[in-house]
Amino acid sequence: MSESKEQKIAVLIPLASSDKTLILNGIKIASIFRKELCLVFHCQKRDTRKRAIFKQKSDEYLATVKKEIPSLKSSKLIITGPVAEMPELLADDFETILLVADAKNYSHLAKAVTESPVPFLFVDTENSPSDFKKIVQPLDLRKENTDSSLWCSWFGRFNGSEIISVAANDKDKDDLKQVAQNVLLAKKLFSKFSITHKIYKGRKSSLGNSFEALELAKSSGSDLLIVLGSSVITPLDKLIGLPEKKIIRQAQGLPVLLINPRRENYILCD
């Protein structure tokens, strides 16, 4: 593992046939933002067999990456301990700013996602890697929408991505005012960096706004949805599943960048 403080895009490797697609998505993101690619494997401390397999596989993967893209910095890392603590450890000790994971593994990673200070990019490993050129973003009444707008702006600045924002249509006057404020802030940010963008007034309130954005993303041929996770998690949510779980399950091949609004997010260094 490199000892440098270079910001990293971490790819969570399950040691399965999906590894290569996950790595290709990680390479794309790392190349866009000019960050280091880091292959990460989580296992039990005493599982020496899996650790040895990861070492061999990751060496092979990184050798291929080095041959094809010599300029891309890359590294590998084995993480032990509770899964829920993994994102914070990666962020605090290894300068990770984003984690790439298989959408099929969301349930296993759900606790980690709700504790994470950095976003998770969930991808369908049965699909080709995304170009992340056409991005849809829901805008609801939460102040944390600034985090999702920031990530949209970074894709716009560094990847030339087009941003489509769907504003919630709340009925309460104060809620509608907060949505309008979030729309104004997003518009100012995108205009500041000359990012191609469109902002639509949606049909649904803040409660259903993310699902409306998902349907637009799928119907418009977009290749990334950026959403905020749940701000409050109730016992009922734990029983039936969080809305973001349903969004990822219904994405049907669309990559979903999930941002935790309950944690202060790390900032990408230009």
C-alpha atoms as a PDB file:
ATOM      1  CA  MET A   1       0.000   0.000   0.000  1.00  0.00           C
ATOM      2  CA  SER A   2       1.282   3.407  -0.907  1.00  0.00           C
ATOM      3  CA  GLU A   3       2.100   5.642   2.062  1.00  0.00           C
ATOM      4  CA  SER A   4       1.320   8.805   0.144  1.00  0.00           C
ATOM      5  CA  LYS A   5      -1.651  10.971   0.986  1.00  0.00           C
ATOM      6  CA  GLU A   6      -2.949  10.846  -2.570  1.00  0.00           C
ATOM      7  CA  GLN A   7      -6.744  10.839  -2.677  1.00  0.00           C
ATOM      8  CA  LYS A   8      -8.065   7.447  -3.709  1.00  0.00           C
ATOM      9  CA  ILE A   9     -10.963   5.781  -5.466  1.00  0.00           C
ATOM     10  CA  ALA A  10     -11.456   2.490  -3.607  1.00  0.00           C
ATOM     11  CA  VAL A  11     -12.867  -0.514  -5.457  1.00  0.00           C
ATOM     12  CA  LEU A  12     -14.327  -3.178  -3.170  1.00  0.00           C
ATOM     13  CA  ILE A  13     -13.192  -6.499  -4.622  1.00  0.00           C
ATOM     14  CA  PRO A  14     -15.325  -9.582  -3.829  1.00  0.00           C
ATOM     15  CA  LEU A  15     -12.907 -12.021  -5.535  1.00  0.00           C
ATOM     16  CA  ALA A  16     -15.537 -13.000  -8.090  1.00  0.00           C
ATOM     17  CA  SER A  17     -16.210 -12.738 -11.806  1.00  0.00           C
ATOM     18  CA  SER A  18     -17.470  -9.196 -11.172  1.00  0.00           C
ATOM     19  CA  ASP A  19     -13.978  -7.982 -10.169  1.00  0.00           C
ATOM     20  CA  LYS A  20     -12.964  -6.829 -13.629  1.00  0.00           C
ATOM     21  CA  THR A  21     -16.103  -4.778 -14.265  1.00  0.00           C
ATOM     22  CA  LEU A  22     -15.777  -3.136 -10.864  1.00  0.00           C
ATOM     23  CA  ILE A  23     -12.139  -2.304 -11.586  1.00  0.00           C
ATOM     24  CA  LEU A  24     -12.995  -0.846 -14.993  1.00  0.00           C
ATOM     25  CA  ASN A  25     -15.547   1.450 -13.347  1.00  0.00           C
ATOM     26  CA  GLY A  26     -12.948   2.377 -10.734  1.00  0.00           C
ATOM     27  CA  ILE A  27     -10.403   3.130 -13.452  1.00  0.00           C
ATOM     28  CA  LYS A  28     -12.911   5.387 -15.189  1.00  0.00           C
ATOM     29  CA  ILE A  29     -13.669   7.354 -12.024  1.00  0.00           C
ATOM     30  CA  ALA A  30     -10.006   7.551 -10.995  1.00  0.00           C
ATOM     31  CA  SER A  31      -9.085   8.789 -14.478  1.00  0.00           C
ATOM     32  CA  ILE A  32     -11.845  11.405 -14.496  1.00  0.00           C
ATOM     33  CA  PHE A  33     -10.783  12.916 -11.191  1.00  0.00           C
ATOM     34  CA  ARG A  34      -7.079  12.123 -11.562  1.00  0.00           C
ATOM     35  CA  LYS A  35      -6.945  10.105  -8.353  1.00  0.00           C
ATOM     36  CA  GLU A  36      -5.249   6.894  -7.279  1.00  0.00           C
ATOM     37  CA  LEU A  37      -7.012   3.579  -7.894  1.00  0.00           C
ATOM     38  CA  CYS A  38      -7.030   1.371  -4.787  1.00  0.00           C
ATOM     39  CA  LEU A  39      -8.250  -2.246  -4.790  1.00  0.00           C
ATOM     40  CA  VAL A  40      -9.713  -3.114  -1.394  1.00  0.00           C
ATOM     41  CA  PHE A  41     -10.594  -6.506   0.047  1.00  0.00           C
ATOM     42  CA  HIS A  42     -12.455  -6.958   3.318  1.00  0.00           C
ATOM     43  CA  CYS A  43     -11.955 -10.212   5.195  1.00  0.00           C
ATOM     44  CA  GLN A  44     -11.533 -11.724   8.620  1.00  0.00           C
ATOM     45  CA  LYS A  45      -8.134 -11.157  10.202  1.00  0.00           C
ATOM     46  CA  ARG A  46      -7.340 -14.869  10.396  1.00  0.00           C
ATOM     47  CA  ASP A  47      -8.554 -15.768   6.908  1.00  0.00           C
ATOM     48  CA  THR A  48      -5.088 -16.326   5.488  1.00  0.00           C
ATOM     49  CA  ARG A  49      -6.378 -18.264   2.470  1.00  0.00           C
ATOM     50  CA  LYS A  50      -8.524 -15.407   1.153  1.00  0.00           C
ATOM     51  CA  ARG A  51      -5.793 -12.897   1.935  1.00  0.00           C
ATOM     52  CA  ALA A  52      -3.362 -14.921  -0.188  1.00  0.00           C
ATOM     53  CA  ILE A  53      -5.881 -15.181  -3.035  1.00  0.00           C
ATOM     54  CA  PHE A  54      -6.470 -11.425  -2.967  1.00  0.00           C
ATOM     55  CA  LYS A  55      -2.749 -10.712  -3.010  1.00  0.00           C
ATOM     56  CA  GLN A  56      -2.274 -12.900  -6.077  1.00  0.00           C
ATOM     57  CA  LYS A  57      -5.360 -11.633  -7.901  1.00  0.00           C
ATOM     58  CA  SER A  58      -4.769  -7.978  -7.102  1.00  0.00           C
ATOM     59  CA  ASP A  59      -1.165  -8.218  -8.286  1.00  0.00           C
ATOM     60  CA  GLU A  60      -2.439  -9.599 -11.592  1.00  0.00           C
ATOM     61  CA  TYR A  61      -5.118  -6.930 -11.902  1.00  0.00           C
ATOM     62  CA  LEU A  62      -2.751  -4.065 -11.098  1.00  0.00           C
ATOM     63  CA  ALA A  63      -0.064  -5.380 -13.439  1.00  0.00           C
ATOM     64  CA  THR A  64      -2.589  -5.207 -16.282  1.00  0.00           C
ATOM     65  CA  VAL A  65      -3.664  -1.696 -15.237  1.00  0.00           C
ATOM     66  CA  LYS A  66      -0.033  -0.558 -15.107  1.00  0.00           C
ATOM     67  CA  LYS A  67       0.610  -1.975 -18.561  1.00  0.00           C
ATOM     68  CA  GLU A  68      -2.475  -0.395 -20.133  1.00  0.00           C
ATOM     69  CA  ILE A  69      -2.461   2.929 -18.231  1.00  0.00           C
ATOM     70  CA  PRO A  70       1.084   3.621 -16.953  1.00  0.00           C
ATOM     71  CA  SER A  71       0.168   7.092 -15.697  1.00  0.00           C
ATOM     72  CA  LEU A  72      -2.570   5.847 -13.358  1.00  0.00           C
ATOM     73  CA  LYS A  73      -1.393   5.413  -9.780  1.00  0.00           C
ATOM     74  CA  SER A  74      -2.682   2.233  -8.167  1.00  0.00           C
ATOM     75  CA  SER A  75      -2.451   0.308  -4.921  1.00  0.00           C
ATOM     76  CA  LYS A  76      -4.119  -2.463  -2.909  1.00  0.00           C
ATOM     77  CA  LEU A  77      -5.302  -2.859   0.640  1.00  0.00           C
ATOM     78  CA  ILE A  78      -6.753  -5.526   2.917  1.00  0.00           C
ATOM     79  CA  ILE A  79      -9.235  -4.313   5.532  1.00  0.00           C
ATOM     80  CA  THR A  80     -10.281  -6.320   8.596  1.00  0.00           C
ATOM     81  CA  GLY A  81     -12.759  -5.537  11.358  1.00  0.00           C
ATOM     82  CA  PRO A  82     -16.480  -4.670  11.157  1.00  0.00           C
ATOM     83  CA  VAL A  83     -17.787  -3.842   7.681  1.00  0.00           C
ATOM     84  CA  ALA A  84     -19.588  -0.781   9.062  1.00  0.00           C
ATOM     85  CA  GLU A  85     -16.273   0.794  10.101  1.00  0.00           C
ATOM     86  CA  MET A  86     -14.570   0.233   6.744  1.00  0.00           C
ATOM     87  CA  PRO A  87     -15.563   3.488   4.955  1.00  0.00           C
ATOM     88  CA  GLU A  88     -14.436   5.739   7.796  1.00  0.00           C
ATOM     89  CA  LEU A  89     -11.146   3.866   8.093  1.00  0.00           C
ATOM     90  CA  LEU A  90     -10.565   4.168   4.351  1.00  0.00           C
ATOM     91  CA  ALA A  91     -11.438   7.872   4.420  1.00  0.00           C
ATOM     92  CA  ASP A  92      -9.487   8.837   7.537  1.00  0.00           C
ATOM     93  CA  ASP A  93      -6.361   6.704   7.135  1.00  0.00           C
ATOM     94  CA  PHE A  94      -6.106   6.264   3.360  1.00  0.00           C
ATOM     95  CA  GLU A  95      -7.646   9.445   1.862  1.00  0.00           C
ATOM     96  CA  THR A  96     -10.448   7.578   0.103  1.00  0.00           C
ATOM     97  CA  ILE A  97     -13.062   9.904  -1.401  1.00  0.00           C
ATOM     98  CA  LEU A  98     -15.364   7.362  -3.068  1.00  0.00           C
ATOM     99  CA  LEU A  99     -16.024   3.606  -2.924  1.00  0.00           C
ATOM    100  CA  VAL A 100     -17.063   1.510  -5.924  1.00  0.00           C
ATOM    101  CA  ALA A 101     -19.158  -1.567  -5.140  1.00  0.00           C
ATOM    102  CA  ASP A 102     -21.346  -4.172  -6.819  1.00  0.00           C
ATOM    103  CA  ALA A 103     -25.034  -3.219  -6.618  1.00  0.00           C
ATOM    104  CA  LYS A 104     -25.812  -6.838  -5.740  1.00  0.00           C
ATOM    105  CA  ASN A 105     -23.813  -6.404  -2.514  1.00  0.00           C
ATOM    106  CA  TYR A 106     -25.831  -3.442  -1.221  1.00  0.00           C
ATOM    107  CA  SER A 107     -27.550  -5.445   1.536  1.00  0.00           C
ATOM    108  CA  HIS A 108     -24.197  -6.652   2.861  1.00  0.00           C
ATOM    109  CA  LEU A 109     -22.828  -3.094   2.780  1.00  0.00           C
ATOM    110  CA  ALA A 110     -25.980  -1.299   3.990  1.00  0.00           C
ATOM    111  CA  LYS A 111     -24.669  -0.647   7.508  1.00  0.00           C
ATOM    112  CA  ALA A 112     -21.382   0.620   6.090  1.00  0.00           C
ATOM    113  CA  VAL A 113     -23.249   2.945   3.716  1.00  0.00           C
ATOM    114  CA  THR A 114     -25.266   4.532   6.533  1.00  0.00           C
ATOM    115  CA  GLU A 115     -22.057   5.156   8.509  1.00  0.00           C
ATOM    116  CA  SER A 116     -19.926   6.321   5.585  1.00  0.00           C
ATOM    117  CA  PRO A 117     -18.418   9.817   5.291  1.00  0.00           C
ATOM    118  CA  VAL A 118     -17.788   9.198   1.573  1.00  0.00           C
ATOM    119  CA  PRO A 119     -20.181   8.239  -1.240  1.00  0.00           C
ATOM    120  CA  PHE A 120     -20.690   4.729  -2.576  1.00  0.00           C
ATOM    121  CA  LEU A 121     -20.959   4.174  -6.327  1.00  0.00           C
ATOM    122  CA  PHE A 122     -23.097   1.086  -6.886  1.00  0.00           C
ATOM    123  CA  VAL A 123     -22.744  -0.433 -10.352  1.00  0.00           C
ATOM    124  CA  ASP A 124     -24.361  -3.344 -12.159  1.00  0.00           C
ATOM    125  CA  THR A 125     -21.440  -5.618 -12.959  1.00  0.00           C
ATOM    126  CA  GLU A 126     -23.375  -7.318 -15.767  1.00  0.00           C
ATOM    127  CA  ASN A 127     -23.288  -4.067 -17.744  1.00  0.00           C
ATOM    128  CA  SER A 128     -20.394  -2.326 -19.454  1.00  0.00           C
ATOM    129  CA  PRO A 129     -18.684   0.463 -17.481  1.00  0.00           C
ATOM    130  CA  SER A 130     -20.453   3.796 -17.653  1.00  0.00           C
ATOM    131  CA  ASP A 131     -19.093   6.952 -19.278  1.00  0.00           C
ATOM    132  CA  PHE A 132     -20.845   9.079 -16.618  1.00  0.00           C
ATOM    133  CA  LYS A 133     -21.707  11.694 -19.225  1.00  0.00           C
ATOM    134  CA  LYS A 134     -25.424  12.236 -18.559  1.00  0.00           C
ATOM    135  CA  ILE A 135     -26.300  12.602 -14.893  1.00  0.00           C
ATOM    136  CA  VAL A 136     -29.668  12.949 -13.175  1.00  0.00           C
ATOM    137  CA  GLN A 137     -29.987  14.476  -9.717  1.00  0.00           C
ATOM    138  CA  PRO A 138     -33.108  14.858  -7.551  1.00  0.00           C
ATOM    139  CA  LEU A 139     -33.348  18.094  -5.586  1.00  0.00           C
ATOM    140  CA  ASP A 140     -35.546  17.945  -2.494  1.00  0.00           C
ATOM    141  CA  LEU A 141     -35.966  20.179   0.555  1.00  0.00           C
ATOM    142  CA  ARG A 142     -32.878  18.994   2.471  1.00  0.00           C
ATOM    143  CA  LYS A 143     -29.920  21.344   2.879  1.00  0.00           C
ATOM    144  CA  GLU A 144     -27.584  18.407   2.217  1.00  0.00           C
ATOM    145  CA  ASN A 145     -28.482  18.694  -1.468  1.00  0.00           C
ATOM    146  CA  THR A 146     -25.381  20.874  -1.680  1.00  0.00           C
ATOM    147  CA  ASP A 147     -23.325  17.657  -1.378  1.00  0.00           C
ATOM    148  CA  SER A 148     -25.022  16.015  -4.359  1.00  0.00           C
ATOM    149  CA  SER A 149     -24.771  19.250  -6.358  1.00  0.00           C
ATOM    150  CA  LEU A 150     -21.039  19.370  -5.614  1.00  0.00           C
ATOM    151  CA  TRP A 151     -20.534  15.857  -6.970  1.00  0.00           C
ATOM    152  CA  CYS A 152     -22.592  16.759 -10.040  1.00  0.00           C
ATOM    153  CA  SER A 153     -20.405  19.818 -10.570  1.00  0.00           C
ATOM    154  CA  TRP A 154     -17.223  17.740 -10.309  1.00  0.00           C
ATOM    155  CA  PHE A 155     -18.458  15.370 -13.004  1.00  0.00           C
ATOM    156  CA  GLY A 156     -19.426  18.397 -15.086  1.00  0.00           C
ATOM    157  CA  ARG A 157     -16.032  20.066 -14.661  1.00  0.00           C
ATOM    158  CA  PHE A 158     -13.749  17.063 -15.053  1.00  0.00           C
ATOM    159  CA  ASN A 159     -15.795  14.836 -17.363  1.00  0.00           C
ATOM    160  CA  GLY A 160     -17.857  17.313 -19.375  1.00  0.00           C
ATOM    161  CA  SER A 161     -21.018  15.689 -18.034  1.00  0.00           C
ATOM    162  CA  GLU A 162     -24.493  17.107 -18.574  1.00  0.00           C
ATOM    163  CA  ILE A 163     -26.565  17.506 -15.401  1.00  0.00           C
ATOM    164  CA  ILE A 164     -30.338  17.120 -15.248  1.00  0.00           C
ATOM    165  CA  SER A 165     -31.884  18.144 -11.918  1.00  0.00           C
ATOM    166  CA  VAL A 166     -35.439  17.226 -10.922  1.00  0.00           C
ATOM    167  CA  ALA A 167     -36.861  19.619  -8.328  1.00  0.00           C
ATOM    168  CA  ALA A 168     -39.379  18.319  -5.814  1.00  0.00           C
ATOM    169  CA  ASN A 169     -42.919  19.694  -6.008  1.00  0.00           C
ATOM    170  CA  ASP A 170     -43.809  20.142  -2.336  1.00  0.00           C
ATOM    171  CA  LYS A 171     -47.138  21.595  -1.244  1.00  0.00           C
ATOM    172  CA  ASP A 172     -46.059  23.128   2.058  1.00  0.00           C
ATOM    173  CA  LYS A 173     -44.979  26.741   1.553  1.00  0.00           C
ATOM    174  CA  ASP A 174     -41.841  26.495   3.714  1.00  0.00           C
ATOM    175  CA  ASP A 175     -40.810  23.193   2.116  1.00  0.00           C
ATOM    176  CA  LEU A 176     -41.283  24.649  -1.347  1.00  0.00           C
ATOM    177  CA  LYS A 177     -39.141  27.636  -0.359  1.00  0.00           C
ATOM    178  CA  GLN A 178     -36.307  25.343   0.740  1.00  0.00           C
ATOM    179  CA  VAL A 179     -36.515  23.383  -2.528  1.00  0.00           C
ATOM    180  CA  ALA A 180     -36.320  26.668  -4.441  1.00  0.00           C
ATOM    181  CA  GLN A 181     -33.221  27.630  -2.450  1.00  0.00           C
ATOM    182  CA  ASN A 182     -31.545  24.317  -3.307  1.00  0.00           C
ATOM    183  CA  VAL A 183     -32.422  24.802  -6.974  1.00  0.00           C
ATOM    184  CA  LEU A 184     -30.918  28.305  -6.931  1.00  0.00           C
ATOM    185  CA  LEU A 185     -27.696  27.084  -5.306  1.00  0.00           C
ATOM    186  CA  ALA A 186     -27.348  24.237  -7.814  1.00  0.00           C
ATOM    187  CA  LYS A 187     -27.986  26.558 -10.744  1.00  0.00           C
ATOM    188  CA  LYS A 188     -25.385  29.057  -9.504  1.00  0.00           C
ATOM    189  CA  LEU A 189     -22.813  26.307  -9.015  1.00  0.00           C
ATOM    190  CA  PHE A 190     -23.335  24.783 -12.463  1.00  0.00           C
ATOM    191  CA  SER A 191     -23.354  28.192 -14.160  1.00  0.00           C
ATOM    192  CA  LYS A 192     -20.155  29.207 -12.382  1.00  0.00           C
ATOM    193  CA  PHE A 193     -18.260  26.397 -14.109  1.00  0.00           C
ATOM    194  CA  SER A 194     -20.202  26.607 -17.401  1.00  0.00           C
ATOM    195  CA  ILE A 195     -21.648  23.121 -16.898  1.00  0.00           C
ATOM    196  CA  THR A 196     -24.403  22.091 -19.274  1.00  0.00           C
ATOM    197  CA  HIS A 197     -27.506  21.599 -17.153  1.00  0.00           C
ATOM    198  CA  LYS A 198     -31.289  21.518 -17.120  1.00  0.00           C
ATOM    199  CA  ILE A 199     -33.554  21.874 -14.126  1.00  0.00           C
ATOM    200  CA  TYR A 200     -37.099  20.521 -14.251  1.00  0.00           C
ATOM    201  CA  LYS A 201     -39.938  20.938 -11.793  1.00  0.00           C
ATOM    202  CA  GLY A 202     -41.044  17.452 -10.895  1.00  0.00           C
ATOM    203  CA  ARG A 203     -44.482  16.097 -10.087  1.00  0.00           C
ATOM    204  CA  LYS A 204     -43.709  14.437  -6.771  1.00  0.00           C
ATOM    205  CA  SER A 205     -42.915  15.842  -3.333  1.00  0.00           C
ATOM    206  CA  SER A 206     -39.565  15.455  -1.593  1.00  0.00           C
ATOM    207  CA  LEU A 207     -40.646  12.011  -0.348  1.00  0.00           C
ATOM    208  CA  GLY A 208     -40.975  10.637  -3.891  1.00  0.00           C
ATOM    209  CA  ASN A 209     -38.528  12.916  -5.673  1.00  0.00           C
ATOM    210  CA  SER A 210     -35.671  10.392  -5.884  1.00  0.00           C
ATOM    211  CA  PHE A 211     -37.905   7.768  -7.480  1.00  0.00           C
ATOM    212  CA  GLU A 212     -39.136  10.287 -10.056  1.00  0.00           C
ATOM    213  CA  ALA A 213     -35.505  11.150 -10.856  1.00  0.00           C
ATOM    214  CA  LEU A 214     -34.736   7.439 -11.203  1.00  0.00           C
ATOM    215  CA  GLU A 215     -37.526   6.959 -13.748  1.00  0.00           C
ATOM    216  CA  LEU A 216     -36.325   9.987 -15.731  1.00  0.00           C
ATOM    217  CA  ALA A 217     -32.758   8.689 -15.684  1.00  0.00           C
ATOM    218  CA  LYS A 218     -33.835   5.310 -17.038  1.00  0.00           C
ATOM    219  CA  SER A 219     -36.182   6.712 -19.687  1.00  0.00           C
ATOM    220  CA  SER A 220     -33.717   9.374 -20.923  1.00  0.00           C
ATOM    221  CA  GLY A 221     -30.721   7.091 -21.391  1.00  0.00           C
ATOM    222  CA  SER A 222     -28.743   8.709 -18.578  1.00  0.00           C
ATOM    223  CA  ASP A 223     -25.736   6.846 -17.215  1.00  0.00           C
ATOM    224  CA  LEU A 224     -25.560   7.987 -13.573  1.00  0.00           C
ATOM    225  CA  LEU A 225     -28.031   8.866 -10.815  1.00  0.00           C
ATOM    226  CA  ILE A 226     -26.703  10.865  -7.861  1.00  0.00           C
ATOM    227  CA  VAL A 227     -28.921  10.671  -4.775  1.00  0.00           C
ATOM    228  CA  LEU A 228     -28.869  11.421  -1.074  1.00  0.00           C
ATOM    229  CA  GLY A 229     -29.480   8.555   1.314  1.00  0.00           C
ATOM    230  CA  SER A 230     -31.981   8.690   4.160  1.00  0.00           C
ATOM    231  CA  SER A 231     -31.532  11.537   6.637  1.00  0.00           C
ATOM    232  CA  VAL A 232     -33.476   9.690   9.327  1.00  0.00           C
ATOM    233  CA  ILE A 233     -33.600   5.911   9.756  1.00  0.00           C
ATOM    234  CA  THR A 234     -36.614   4.589  11.655  1.00  0.00           C
ATOM    235  CA  PRO A 235     -37.284   1.076  13.018  1.00  0.00           C
ATOM    236  CA  LEU A 236     -39.765   0.646  10.156  1.00  0.00           C
ATOM    237  CA  ASP A 237     -37.030   1.483   7.641  1.00  0.00           C
ATOM    238  CA  LYS A 238     -34.855  -1.224   9.152  1.00  0.00           C
ATOM    239  CA  LEU A 239     -37.738  -3.673   8.842  1.00  0.00           C
ATOM    240  CA  ILE A 240     -38.851  -2.991   5.256  1.00  0.00           C
ATOM    241  CA  GLY A 241     -35.664  -1.479   3.833  1.00  0.00           C
ATOM    242  CA  LEU A 242     -34.506   2.050   3.113  1.00  0.00           C
ATOM    243  CA  PRO A 243     -35.687   3.911  -0.015  1.00  0.00           C
ATOM    244  CA  GLU A 244     -32.129   3.861  -1.394  1.00  0.00           C
ATOM    245  CA  LYS A 245     -32.175   0.058  -1.310  1.00  0.00           C
ATOM    246  CA  LYS A 246     -35.265   0.121  -3.516  1.00  0.00           C
ATOM    247  CA  ILE A 247     -33.675   2.690  -5.844  1.00  0.00           C
ATOM    248  CA  ILE A 248     -30.541   0.575  -6.330  1.00  0.00           C
ATOM    249  CA  ARG A 249     -32.645  -2.553  -6.863  1.00  0.00           C
ATOM    250  CA  GLN A 250     -34.846  -0.775  -9.426  1.00  0.00           C
ATOM    251  CA  ALA A 251     -31.954   0.959 -11.224  1.00  0.00           C
ATOM    252  CA  GLN A 252     -31.771  -1.843 -13.832  1.00  0.00           C
ATOM    253  CA  GLY A 253     -28.152  -1.323 -14.808  1.00  0.00           C
ATOM    254  CA  LEU A 254     -28.002   2.401 -14.056  1.00  0.00           C
ATOM    255  CA  PRO A 255     -25.068   3.299 -11.751  1.00  0.00           C
ATOM    256  CA  VAL A 256     -26.167   5.013  -8.533  1.00  0.00           C
ATOM    257  CA  LEU A 257     -23.899   7.343  -6.569  1.00  0.00           C
ATOM    258  CA  LEU A 258     -25.265   7.304  -3.015  1.00  0.00           C
ATOM    259  CA  ILE A 259     -24.287  10.089  -0.618  1.00  0.00           C
ATOM    260  CA  ASN A 260     -24.865   9.807   3.117  1.00  0.00           C
ATOM    261  CA  PRO A 261     -26.555  13.051   4.287  1.00  0.00           C
ATOM    262  CA  ARG A 262     -26.086  12.158   7.949  1.00  0.00           C
ATOM    263  CA  ARG A 263     -22.307  12.521   7.802  1.00  0.00           C
ATOM    264  CA  GLU A 264     -20.014  15.372   6.796  1.00  0.00           C
ATOM    265  CA  ASN A 265     -18.624  14.340   3.429  1.00  0.00           C
ATOM    266  CA  TYR A 266     -14.993  14.534   2.431  1.00  0.00           C
ATOM    267  CA  ILE A 267     -14.159  16.999  -0.310  1.00  0.00           C
ATOM    268  CA  LEU A 268     -12.441  16.183  -3.577  1.00  0.00           C
ATOM    269  CA  CYS A 269      -9.197  18.124  -3.985  1.00  0.00           C
ATOM    270  CA  ASP A 270      -8.812  19.600  -7.456  1.00  0.00           C
END
